[in-house]
Amino acid sequence: MSLFIASIGFGIVTASVLAIASVGFTVQFGVTDVLNLAYASVMIACAYIAYLVNQTGQSVWLAMVVAAIAGGVISLVINKYIYAPFQRRGTSPTAVVIVSLGVLLIIEFTIQAMEGAANVSYTMSQGATYTLGGLTLTGVQLVIIGLSLAFMVGLHLLLRYTRFGKAMRATAADRTLARNCGIRTDRVITLACLITGALCGVAGTVFAINSGSFGATSADLFLVLILAAVFLGGPGQPYGAMLGALVIGVATEVSAVFITSDYKYVSAFVILLVILAVRPRGIFNAGTIG
């Protein structure tokens, strides 16, 4: 029983990291209509940027802010100068996915060329250990959970109660109709890329913190969890991604304890296949944002 409770605790932390990443991924997909497989490599690029800041003696949390800014800029540049030109030429969505895979490899090999193949880790304290109802978590893990909750609430408020959130939802639903209604869709996409890219930068940093150490390809398998959470909840559905992240995060850690850690990513896909067999469009139905 103690192992089960411990796995639940680890699962909640993993779900918190996964929620930040998968929500950013699915919102970006909803607005740009690009299934961006390079998202994981941008996460790691931002994690390395945070590492470089951290090595100057700065707090990892300050480094995370720098990583968020970098993530927004990188995501905007990739969409504006790589994906958007292909879309304007009428390239099929499948071909753009292949392009995103190429971007992923370019970023990863560039990181390896610059930083080498060895893993690195942040210089930081894990803080005190807290026991909550049988769950034992460090101070850093509690901060990660708190950050995830804060970002989820912030995104909800943005989508539901701001003009930009409504414009973003309209752009995701029908870009042409939104443009004809006077919405500056290009500006909406630009700001959406900055926001989702910032989430990507934060996700990369907390992923690296939670992993302990990381390398250029460390997020490749984590991309499996992101895709599972996104398609479980329904592509383009941020609330579905939140629920999907919770289910996948907890399930993978529980399976790692009771089966073997080698199969934790397999369990994510088993859950996904079962859900999609019952609801092919995901729990919340694939569709527009919100």
C-alpha atoms as a PDB file:
ATOM      1  CA  MET A   1       0.000   0.000   0.000  1.00  0.00           C
ATOM      2  CA  SER A   2       2.846   2.393   0.794  1.00  0.00           C
ATOM      3  CA  LEU A   3       4.288   1.836  -2.696  1.00  0.00           C
ATOM      4  CA  PHE A   4       0.899   2.539  -4.237  1.00  0.00           C
ATOM      5  CA  ILE A   5       0.507   5.797  -2.309  1.00  0.00           C
ATOM      6  CA  ALA A   6       4.061   6.810  -3.227  1.00  0.00           C
ATOM      7  CA  SER A   7       3.344   6.104  -6.905  1.00  0.00           C
ATOM      8  CA  ILE A   8       0.241   8.294  -6.711  1.00  0.00           C
ATOM      9  CA  GLY A   9       2.406  11.126  -5.395  1.00  0.00           C
ATOM     10  CA  PHE A  10       4.950  10.704  -8.189  1.00  0.00           C
ATOM     11  CA  GLY A  11       2.052  10.460 -10.643  1.00  0.00           C
ATOM     12  CA  ILE A  12       0.606  13.787  -9.525  1.00  0.00           C
ATOM     13  CA  VAL A  13       3.979  15.473 -10.012  1.00  0.00           C
ATOM     14  CA  THR A  14       4.400  13.872 -13.453  1.00  0.00           C
ATOM     15  CA  ALA A  15       0.833  14.886 -14.327  1.00  0.00           C
ATOM     16  CA  SER A  16       1.614  18.473 -13.300  1.00  0.00           C
ATOM     17  CA  VAL A  17       4.597  18.633 -15.654  1.00  0.00           C
ATOM     18  CA  LEU A  18       2.615  16.870 -18.375  1.00  0.00           C
ATOM     19  CA  ALA A  19      -0.355  19.233 -17.994  1.00  0.00           C
ATOM     20  CA  ILE A  20       1.773  22.311 -18.668  1.00  0.00           C
ATOM     21  CA  ALA A  21       3.321  20.679 -21.736  1.00  0.00           C
ATOM     22  CA  SER A  22       0.189  19.066 -23.184  1.00  0.00           C
ATOM     23  CA  VAL A  23      -2.013  22.132 -22.736  1.00  0.00           C
ATOM     24  CA  GLY A  24       0.543  24.295 -24.528  1.00  0.00           C
ATOM     25  CA  PHE A  25       0.833  21.658 -27.266  1.00  0.00           C
ATOM     26  CA  THR A  26      -2.913  21.288 -27.819  1.00  0.00           C
ATOM     27  CA  VAL A  27      -3.655  25.036 -27.787  1.00  0.00           C
ATOM     28  CA  GLN A  28      -0.858  25.600 -30.291  1.00  0.00           C
ATOM     29  CA  PHE A  29      -2.301  22.844 -32.467  1.00  0.00           C
ATOM     30  CA  GLY A  30      -5.801  24.314 -32.213  1.00  0.00           C
ATOM     31  CA  VAL A  31      -4.725  27.787 -33.334  1.00  0.00           C
ATOM     32  CA  THR A  32      -2.031  26.969 -35.916  1.00  0.00           C
ATOM     33  CA  ASP A  33      -3.450  23.651 -37.171  1.00  0.00           C
ATOM     34  CA  VAL A  34       0.055  22.133 -36.952  1.00  0.00           C
ATOM     35  CA  LEU A  35       0.750  18.940 -34.992  1.00  0.00           C
ATOM     36  CA  ASN A  36       4.113  20.234 -33.831  1.00  0.00           C
ATOM     37  CA  LEU A  37       6.309  17.221 -33.013  1.00  0.00           C
ATOM     38  CA  ALA A  38       9.227  19.627 -32.495  1.00  0.00           C
ATOM     39  CA  TYR A  39       7.521  20.773 -29.269  1.00  0.00           C
ATOM     40  CA  ALA A  40       9.587  18.299 -27.211  1.00  0.00           C
ATOM     41  CA  SER A  41      12.880  19.490 -28.670  1.00  0.00           C
ATOM     42  CA  VAL A  42      11.937  23.113 -27.952  1.00  0.00           C
ATOM     43  CA  MET A  43      11.250  22.026 -24.363  1.00  0.00           C
ATOM     44  CA  ILE A  44      14.772  20.640 -24.077  1.00  0.00           C
ATOM     45  CA  ALA A  45      16.306  23.678 -25.788  1.00  0.00           C
ATOM     46  CA  CYS A  46      14.604  25.854 -23.171  1.00  0.00           C
ATOM     47  CA  ALA A  47      15.750  23.513 -20.399  1.00  0.00           C
ATOM     48  CA  TYR A  48      19.337  24.016 -21.593  1.00  0.00           C
ATOM     49  CA  ILE A  49      18.860  27.782 -21.699  1.00  0.00           C
ATOM     50  CA  ALA A  50      17.654  27.627 -18.095  1.00  0.00           C
ATOM     51  CA  TYR A  51      20.688  25.467 -17.284  1.00  0.00           C
ATOM     52  CA  LEU A  52      23.078  28.071 -18.720  1.00  0.00           C
ATOM     53  CA  VAL A  53      21.410  30.796 -16.636  1.00  0.00           C
ATOM     54  CA  ASN A  54      21.483  28.563 -13.555  1.00  0.00           C
ATOM     55  CA  GLN A  55      25.220  27.939 -14.015  1.00  0.00           C
ATOM     56  CA  THR A  56      25.883  31.674 -13.632  1.00  0.00           C
ATOM     57  CA  GLY A  57      24.678  31.357 -10.052  1.00  0.00           C
ATOM     58  CA  GLN A  58      21.080  32.421 -10.642  1.00  0.00           C
ATOM     59  CA  SER A  59      18.088  30.648  -9.106  1.00  0.00           C
ATOM     60  CA  VAL A  60      16.534  27.928 -11.247  1.00  0.00           C
ATOM     61  CA  TRP A  61      13.190  29.715 -10.896  1.00  0.00           C
ATOM     62  CA  LEU A  62      14.627  32.878 -12.428  1.00  0.00           C
ATOM     63  CA  ALA A  63      16.181  30.664 -15.095  1.00  0.00           C
ATOM     64  CA  MET A  64      12.694  29.256 -15.765  1.00  0.00           C
ATOM     65  CA  VAL A  65      11.429  32.759 -16.555  1.00  0.00           C
ATOM     66  CA  VAL A  66      14.249  33.196 -19.083  1.00  0.00           C
ATOM     67  CA  ALA A  67      13.388  29.773 -20.533  1.00  0.00           C
ATOM     68  CA  ALA A  68       9.735  30.788 -20.883  1.00  0.00           C
ATOM     69  CA  ILE A  69      10.707  33.913 -22.827  1.00  0.00           C
ATOM     70  CA  ALA A  70      13.037  31.860 -25.019  1.00  0.00           C
ATOM     71  CA  GLY A  71      10.317  29.268 -25.596  1.00  0.00           C
ATOM     72  CA  GLY A  72       7.905  31.928 -26.796  1.00  0.00           C
ATOM     73  CA  VAL A  73      10.443  33.407 -29.206  1.00  0.00           C
ATOM     74  CA  ILE A  74      11.578  30.019 -30.561  1.00  0.00           C
ATOM     75  CA  SER A  75       8.003  28.824 -31.081  1.00  0.00           C
ATOM     76  CA  LEU A  76       7.061  32.038 -32.866  1.00  0.00           C
ATOM     77  CA  VAL A  77      10.085  31.859 -35.174  1.00  0.00           C
ATOM     78  CA  ILE A  78       9.440  28.194 -36.032  1.00  0.00           C
ATOM     79  CA  ASN A  79       5.784  28.802 -36.832  1.00  0.00           C
ATOM     80  CA  LYS A  80       6.283  32.062 -38.729  1.00  0.00           C
ATOM     81  CA  TYR A  81       9.292  31.093 -40.810  1.00  0.00           C
ATOM     82  CA  ILE A  82       8.885  27.324 -41.222  1.00  0.00           C
ATOM     83  CA  TYR A  83       5.332  26.039 -40.746  1.00  0.00           C
ATOM     84  CA  ALA A  84       3.343  29.040 -42.018  1.00  0.00           C
ATOM     85  CA  PRO A  85       5.160  29.240 -45.402  1.00  0.00           C
ATOM     86  CA  PHE A  86       4.455  25.547 -45.996  1.00  0.00           C
ATOM     87  CA  GLN A  87       0.793  26.051 -45.095  1.00  0.00           C
ATOM     88  CA  ARG A  88       0.491  29.037 -47.451  1.00  0.00           C
ATOM     89  CA  ARG A  89       1.777  26.833 -50.289  1.00  0.00           C
ATOM     90  CA  GLY A  90      -1.008  24.362 -49.614  1.00  0.00           C
ATOM     91  CA  THR A  91       1.199  21.665 -48.085  1.00  0.00           C
ATOM     92  CA  SER A  92      -0.879  18.854 -46.581  1.00  0.00           C
ATOM     93  CA  PRO A  93      -1.117  18.585 -42.773  1.00  0.00           C
ATOM     94  CA  THR A  94       0.671  15.230 -42.918  1.00  0.00           C
ATOM     95  CA  ALA A  95       3.605  16.754 -44.792  1.00  0.00           C
ATOM     96  CA  VAL A  96       3.824  19.580 -42.244  1.00  0.00           C
ATOM     97  CA  VAL A  97       4.021  16.953 -39.476  1.00  0.00           C
ATOM     98  CA  ILE A  98       7.024  15.464 -41.293  1.00  0.00           C
ATOM     99  CA  VAL A  99       8.530  18.951 -41.465  1.00  0.00           C
ATOM    100  CA  SER A 100       8.054  19.306 -37.708  1.00  0.00           C
ATOM    101  CA  LEU A 101       9.859  16.002 -37.214  1.00  0.00           C
ATOM    102  CA  GLY A 102      12.755  17.428 -39.226  1.00  0.00           C
ATOM    103  CA  VAL A 103      12.768  20.532 -37.021  1.00  0.00           C
ATOM    104  CA  LEU A 104      12.892  18.271 -33.951  1.00  0.00           C
ATOM    105  CA  LEU A 105      15.980  16.478 -35.272  1.00  0.00           C
ATOM    106  CA  ILE A 106      17.699  19.736 -36.257  1.00  0.00           C
ATOM    107  CA  ILE A 107      17.224  21.188 -32.759  1.00  0.00           C
ATOM    108  CA  GLU A 108      18.339  18.008 -31.007  1.00  0.00           C
ATOM    109  CA  PHE A 109      21.467  17.542 -33.134  1.00  0.00           C
ATOM    110  CA  THR A 110      22.331  21.223 -32.697  1.00  0.00           C
ATOM    111  CA  ILE A 111      22.100  20.866 -28.922  1.00  0.00           C
ATOM    112  CA  GLN A 112      24.248  17.733 -29.004  1.00  0.00           C
ATOM    113  CA  ALA A 113      26.851  19.475 -31.165  1.00  0.00           C
ATOM    114  CA  MET A 114      27.008  22.424 -28.760  1.00  0.00           C
ATOM    115  CA  GLU A 115      26.638  20.710 -25.370  1.00  0.00           C
ATOM    116  CA  GLY A 116      27.768  17.125 -26.006  1.00  0.00           C
ATOM    117  CA  ALA A 117      26.003  13.842 -25.276  1.00  0.00           C
ATOM    118  CA  ALA A 118      26.445  13.867 -21.479  1.00  0.00           C
ATOM    119  CA  ASN A 119      23.480  14.661 -19.259  1.00  0.00           C
ATOM    120  CA  VAL A 120      23.460  17.797 -17.125  1.00  0.00           C
ATOM    121  CA  SER A 121      21.481  18.878 -14.068  1.00  0.00           C
ATOM    122  CA  TYR A 122      20.534  22.091 -12.296  1.00  0.00           C
ATOM    123  CA  THR A 123      22.264  23.345  -9.187  1.00  0.00           C
ATOM    124  CA  MET A 124      19.412  23.602  -6.691  1.00  0.00           C
ATOM    125  CA  SER A 125      18.056  22.352  -3.393  1.00  0.00           C
ATOM    126  CA  GLN A 126      15.039  20.043  -3.289  1.00  0.00           C
ATOM    127  CA  GLY A 127      13.841  21.770  -0.137  1.00  0.00           C
ATOM    128  CA  ALA A 128      12.218  20.182   2.885  1.00  0.00           C
ATOM    129  CA  THR A 129      10.184  16.977   2.678  1.00  0.00           C
ATOM    130  CA  TYR A 130       6.471  17.101   3.499  1.00  0.00           C
ATOM    131  CA  THR A 131       4.069  14.274   4.267  1.00  0.00           C
ATOM    132  CA  LEU A 132       0.477  14.890   3.242  1.00  0.00           C
ATOM    133  CA  GLY A 133      -2.035  12.132   3.936  1.00  0.00           C
ATOM    134  CA  GLY A 134       0.513   9.429   3.273  1.00  0.00           C
ATOM    135  CA  LEU A 135       2.063  11.205   0.284  1.00  0.00           C
ATOM    136  CA  THR A 136       5.669  12.277   0.699  1.00  0.00           C
ATOM    137  CA  LEU A 137       6.702  15.182  -1.522  1.00  0.00           C
ATOM    138  CA  THR A 138       9.625  17.586  -1.552  1.00  0.00           C
ATOM    139  CA  GLY A 139       9.226  21.341  -1.507  1.00  0.00           C
ATOM    140  CA  VAL A 140      10.268  21.533  -5.164  1.00  0.00           C
ATOM    141  CA  GLN A 141       7.630  18.961  -6.154  1.00  0.00           C
ATOM    142  CA  LEU A 142       4.960  20.986  -4.338  1.00  0.00           C
ATOM    143  CA  VAL A 143       6.111  24.095  -6.213  1.00  0.00           C
ATOM    144  CA  ILE A 144       5.777  22.233  -9.528  1.00  0.00           C
ATOM    145  CA  ILE A 145       2.238  21.155  -8.629  1.00  0.00           C
ATOM    146  CA  GLY A 146       1.374  24.714  -7.599  1.00  0.00           C
ATOM    147  CA  LEU A 147       2.806  26.160 -10.808  1.00  0.00           C
ATOM    148  CA  SER A 148       0.783  23.721 -12.895  1.00  0.00           C
ATOM    149  CA  LEU A 149      -2.453  24.593 -11.095  1.00  0.00           C
ATOM    150  CA  ALA A 150      -1.733  28.306 -11.466  1.00  0.00           C
ATOM    151  CA  PHE A 151      -1.124  27.978 -15.218  1.00  0.00           C
ATOM    152  CA  MET A 152      -4.278  25.901 -15.711  1.00  0.00           C
ATOM    153  CA  VAL A 153      -6.402  28.483 -13.878  1.00  0.00           C
ATOM    154  CA  GLY A 154      -4.699  31.320 -15.755  1.00  0.00           C
ATOM    155  CA  LEU A 155      -5.379  29.673 -19.109  1.00  0.00           C
ATOM    156  CA  HIS A 156      -9.023  29.115 -18.183  1.00  0.00           C
ATOM    157  CA  LEU A 157      -9.446  32.777 -17.285  1.00  0.00           C
ATOM    158  CA  LEU A 158      -7.685  33.822 -20.499  1.00  0.00           C
ATOM    159  CA  LEU A 159      -9.885  31.685 -22.734  1.00  0.00           C
ATOM    160  CA  ARG A 160     -13.189  32.427 -21.043  1.00  0.00           C
ATOM    161  CA  TYR A 161     -13.000  36.011 -19.840  1.00  0.00           C
ATOM    162  CA  THR A 162     -10.733  38.007 -22.168  1.00  0.00           C
ATOM    163  CA  ARG A 163     -11.248  39.400 -25.663  1.00  0.00           C
ATOM    164  CA  PHE A 164      -8.046  37.783 -26.815  1.00  0.00           C
ATOM    165  CA  GLY A 165      -9.196  34.408 -25.494  1.00  0.00           C
ATOM    166  CA  LYS A 166     -12.427  34.704 -27.451  1.00  0.00           C
ATOM    167  CA  ALA A 167     -10.507  35.767 -30.551  1.00  0.00           C
ATOM    168  CA  MET A 168      -8.208  32.784 -30.137  1.00  0.00           C
ATOM    169  CA  ARG A 169     -11.164  30.414 -29.862  1.00  0.00           C
ATOM    170  CA  ALA A 170     -12.774  31.972 -32.938  1.00  0.00           C
ATOM    171  CA  THR A 171      -9.536  31.657 -34.927  1.00  0.00           C
ATOM    172  CA  ALA A 172      -9.238  28.003 -33.954  1.00  0.00           C
ATOM    173  CA  ALA A 173     -12.862  27.330 -34.931  1.00  0.00           C
ATOM    174  CA  ASP A 174     -12.699  28.932 -38.401  1.00  0.00           C
ATOM    175  CA  ARG A 175      -9.784  31.145 -39.343  1.00  0.00           C
ATOM    176  CA  THR A 176     -11.382  32.512 -42.520  1.00  0.00           C
ATOM    177  CA  LEU A 177     -14.679  33.354 -40.830  1.00  0.00           C
ATOM    178  CA  ALA A 178     -12.847  34.974 -37.911  1.00  0.00           C
ATOM    179  CA  ARG A 179     -10.840  37.121 -40.340  1.00  0.00           C
ATOM    180  CA  ASN A 180     -14.016  38.159 -42.165  1.00  0.00           C
ATOM    181  CA  CYS A 181     -15.525  39.167 -38.822  1.00  0.00           C
ATOM    182  CA  GLY A 182     -12.681  41.616 -38.254  1.00  0.00           C
ATOM    183  CA  ILE A 183     -10.424  39.507 -36.062  1.00  0.00           C
ATOM    184  CA  ARG A 184      -6.739  40.012 -36.860  1.00  0.00           C
ATOM    185  CA  THR A 185      -5.967  36.311 -37.054  1.00  0.00           C
ATOM    186  CA  ASP A 186      -2.276  36.801 -37.823  1.00  0.00           C
ATOM    187  CA  ARG A 187      -1.849  38.743 -34.590  1.00  0.00           C
ATOM    188  CA  VAL A 188      -3.868  36.118 -32.700  1.00  0.00           C
ATOM    189  CA  ILE A 189      -1.622  33.335 -34.008  1.00  0.00           C
ATOM    190  CA  THR A 190       1.492  35.329 -33.122  1.00  0.00           C
ATOM    191  CA  LEU A 191       0.360  35.908 -29.542  1.00  0.00           C
ATOM    192  CA  ALA A 192      -0.861  32.318 -29.224  1.00  0.00           C
ATOM    193  CA  CYS A 193       2.562  31.043 -30.309  1.00  0.00           C
ATOM    194  CA  LEU A 194       4.231  33.290 -27.731  1.00  0.00           C
ATOM    195  CA  ILE A 195       1.931  32.052 -24.951  1.00  0.00           C
ATOM    196  CA  THR A 196       2.128  28.350 -25.842  1.00  0.00           C
ATOM    197  CA  GLY A 197       5.860  28.687 -26.412  1.00  0.00           C
ATOM    198  CA  ALA A 198       6.231  30.191 -22.945  1.00  0.00           C
ATOM    199  CA  LEU A 199       4.338  27.193 -21.544  1.00  0.00           C
ATOM    200  CA  CYS A 200       6.742  24.994 -23.508  1.00  0.00           C
ATOM    201  CA  GLY A 201       9.718  26.746 -21.890  1.00  0.00           C
ATOM    202  CA  VAL A 202       8.260  26.319 -18.412  1.00  0.00           C
ATOM    203  CA  ALA A 203       7.408  22.678 -19.158  1.00  0.00           C
ATOM    204  CA  GLY A 204      10.963  22.026 -20.314  1.00  0.00           C
ATOM    205  CA  THR A 205      12.419  23.493 -17.133  1.00  0.00           C
ATOM    206  CA  VAL A 206      10.116  21.663 -14.704  1.00  0.00           C
ATOM    207  CA  PHE A 207      10.572  18.461 -16.720  1.00  0.00           C
ATOM    208  CA  ALA A 208      14.341  18.797 -16.264  1.00  0.00           C
ATOM    209  CA  ILE A 209      13.924  19.571 -12.554  1.00  0.00           C
ATOM    210  CA  ASN A 210      11.662  16.559 -12.042  1.00  0.00           C
ATOM    211  CA  SER A 211      13.958  14.260 -14.056  1.00  0.00           C
ATOM    212  CA  GLY A 212      17.038  15.228 -12.057  1.00  0.00           C
ATOM    213  CA  SER A 213      19.263  15.207 -15.131  1.00  0.00           C
ATOM    214  CA  PHE A 214      18.621  15.631 -18.836  1.00  0.00           C
ATOM    215  CA  GLY A 215      20.231  15.513 -22.261  1.00  0.00           C
ATOM    216  CA  ALA A 216      19.426  16.583 -25.804  1.00  0.00           C
ATOM    217  CA  THR A 217      17.040  13.675 -26.435  1.00  0.00           C
ATOM    218  CA  SER A 218      15.562  13.324 -22.943  1.00  0.00           C
ATOM    219  CA  ALA A 219      12.121  14.645 -23.930  1.00  0.00           C
ATOM    220  CA  ASP A 220      11.641  12.280 -26.888  1.00  0.00           C
ATOM    221  CA  LEU A 221       9.853   9.665 -24.786  1.00  0.00           C
ATOM    222  CA  PHE A 222       8.039  12.401 -22.882  1.00  0.00           C
ATOM    223  CA  LEU A 223       6.574  13.428 -26.250  1.00  0.00           C
ATOM    224  CA  VAL A 224       4.820  10.052 -26.170  1.00  0.00           C
ATOM    225  CA  LEU A 225       3.072  11.081 -22.951  1.00  0.00           C
ATOM    226  CA  ILE A 226       2.190  14.504 -24.370  1.00  0.00           C
ATOM    227  CA  LEU A 227       0.566  12.950 -27.447  1.00  0.00           C
ATOM    228  CA  ALA A 228      -1.261  10.396 -25.292  1.00  0.00           C
ATOM    229  CA  ALA A 229      -2.649  13.119 -23.000  1.00  0.00           C
ATOM    230  CA  VAL A 230      -3.634  15.347 -25.945  1.00  0.00           C
ATOM    231  CA  PHE A 231      -5.393  12.620 -27.932  1.00  0.00           C
ATOM    232  CA  LEU A 232      -6.967  11.148 -24.819  1.00  0.00           C
ATOM    233  CA  GLY A 233      -8.634  14.458 -24.016  1.00  0.00           C
ATOM    234  CA  GLY A 234      -9.283  15.386 -27.665  1.00  0.00           C
ATOM    235  CA  PRO A 235      -6.864  17.346 -29.893  1.00  0.00           C
ATOM    236  CA  GLY A 236      -7.432  21.082 -29.612  1.00  0.00           C
ATOM    237  CA  GLN A 237      -9.158  20.763 -26.233  1.00  0.00           C
ATOM    238  CA  PRO A 238      -7.143  22.310 -23.381  1.00  0.00           C
ATOM    239  CA  TYR A 239      -9.511  21.006 -20.715  1.00  0.00           C
ATOM    240  CA  GLY A 240      -9.259  17.563 -22.248  1.00  0.00           C
ATOM    241  CA  ALA A 241      -5.460  17.836 -22.152  1.00  0.00           C
ATOM    242  CA  MET A 242      -5.624  18.702 -18.442  1.00  0.00           C
ATOM    243  CA  LEU A 243      -7.703  15.596 -17.714  1.00  0.00           C
ATOM    244  CA  GLY A 244      -5.586  13.488 -20.052  1.00  0.00           C
ATOM    245  CA  ALA A 245      -2.418  14.633 -18.297  1.00  0.00           C
ATOM    246  CA  LEU A 246      -3.811  13.603 -14.907  1.00  0.00           C
ATOM    247  CA  VAL A 247      -4.869  10.161 -16.161  1.00  0.00           C
ATOM    248  CA  ILE A 248      -1.664   9.450 -18.084  1.00  0.00           C
ATOM    249  CA  GLY A 249       0.649  10.901 -15.437  1.00  0.00           C
ATOM    250  CA  VAL A 250      -0.785   8.851 -12.580  1.00  0.00           C
ATOM    251  CA  ALA A 251      -1.213   5.702 -14.686  1.00  0.00           C
ATOM    252  CA  THR A 252       2.393   5.661 -15.896  1.00  0.00           C
ATOM    253  CA  GLU A 253       3.856   6.033 -12.414  1.00  0.00           C
ATOM    254  CA  VAL A 254       1.530   3.430 -10.888  1.00  0.00           C
ATOM    255  CA  SER A 255       2.363   0.962 -13.663  1.00  0.00           C
ATOM    256  CA  ALA A 256       6.083   1.643 -13.139  1.00  0.00           C
ATOM    257  CA  VAL A 257       5.756   0.478  -9.530  1.00  0.00           C
ATOM    258  CA  PHE A 258       3.527  -2.559 -10.022  1.00  0.00           C
ATOM    259  CA  ILE A 259       4.710  -3.788 -13.426  1.00  0.00           C
ATOM    260  CA  THR A 260       8.088  -2.373 -14.406  1.00  0.00           C
ATOM    261  CA  SER A 261       9.393   1.073 -15.256  1.00  0.00           C
ATOM    262  CA  ASP A 262      10.298  -0.186 -18.748  1.00  0.00           C
ATOM    263  CA  TYR A 263       6.580  -0.403 -19.578  1.00  0.00           C
ATOM    264  CA  LYS A 264       5.399   2.940 -18.183  1.00  0.00           C
ATOM    265  CA  TYR A 265       5.154   4.475 -21.661  1.00  0.00           C
ATOM    266  CA  VAL A 266       3.443   1.368 -23.002  1.00  0.00           C
ATOM    267  CA  SER A 267       0.725   1.742 -20.364  1.00  0.00           C
ATOM    268  CA  ALA A 268       0.066   5.286 -21.604  1.00  0.00           C
ATOM    269  CA  PHE A 269      -0.692   4.002 -25.085  1.00  0.00           C
ATOM    270  CA  VAL A 270      -2.808   1.113 -23.775  1.00  0.00           C
ATOM    271  CA  ILE A 271      -5.023   3.609 -21.965  1.00  0.00           C
ATOM    272  CA  LEU A 272      -5.149   5.792 -25.065  1.00  0.00           C
ATOM    273  CA  LEU A 273      -6.151   2.886 -27.328  1.00  0.00           C
ATOM    274  CA  VAL A 274      -8.904   1.789 -24.947  1.00  0.00           C
ATOM    275  CA  ILE A 275     -10.372   5.289 -24.699  1.00  0.00           C
ATOM    276  CA  LEU A 276     -10.153   5.895 -28.460  1.00  0.00           C
ATOM    277  CA  ALA A 277     -11.873   2.561 -29.107  1.00  0.00           C
ATOM    278  CA  VAL A 278     -14.827   3.895 -27.118  1.00  0.00           C
ATOM    279  CA  ARG A 279     -14.546   7.597 -28.019  1.00  0.00           C
ATOM    280  CA  PRO A 280     -12.484   8.025 -31.215  1.00  0.00           C
ATOM    281  CA  ARG A 281     -12.455  11.830 -30.890  1.00  0.00           C
ATOM    282  CA  GLY A 282     -11.227  11.760 -27.299  1.00  0.00           C
ATOM    283  CA  ILE A 283     -13.019  12.326 -24.026  1.00  0.00           C
ATOM    284  CA  PHE A 284     -13.912  15.963 -24.783  1.00  0.00           C
ATOM    285  CA  ASN A 285     -14.272  15.431 -28.569  1.00  0.00           C
ATOM    286  CA  ALA A 286     -11.580  16.815 -30.855  1.00  0.00           C
ATOM    287  CA  GLY A 287     -12.482  20.254 -32.038  1.00  0.00           C
ATOM    288  CA  THR A 288     -12.056  23.922 -31.321  1.00  0.00           C
ATOM    289  CA  ILE A 289     -10.372  25.376 -28.251  1.00  0.00           C
ATOM    290  CA  GLY A 290     -12.555  25.585 -25.160  1.00  0.00           C
END
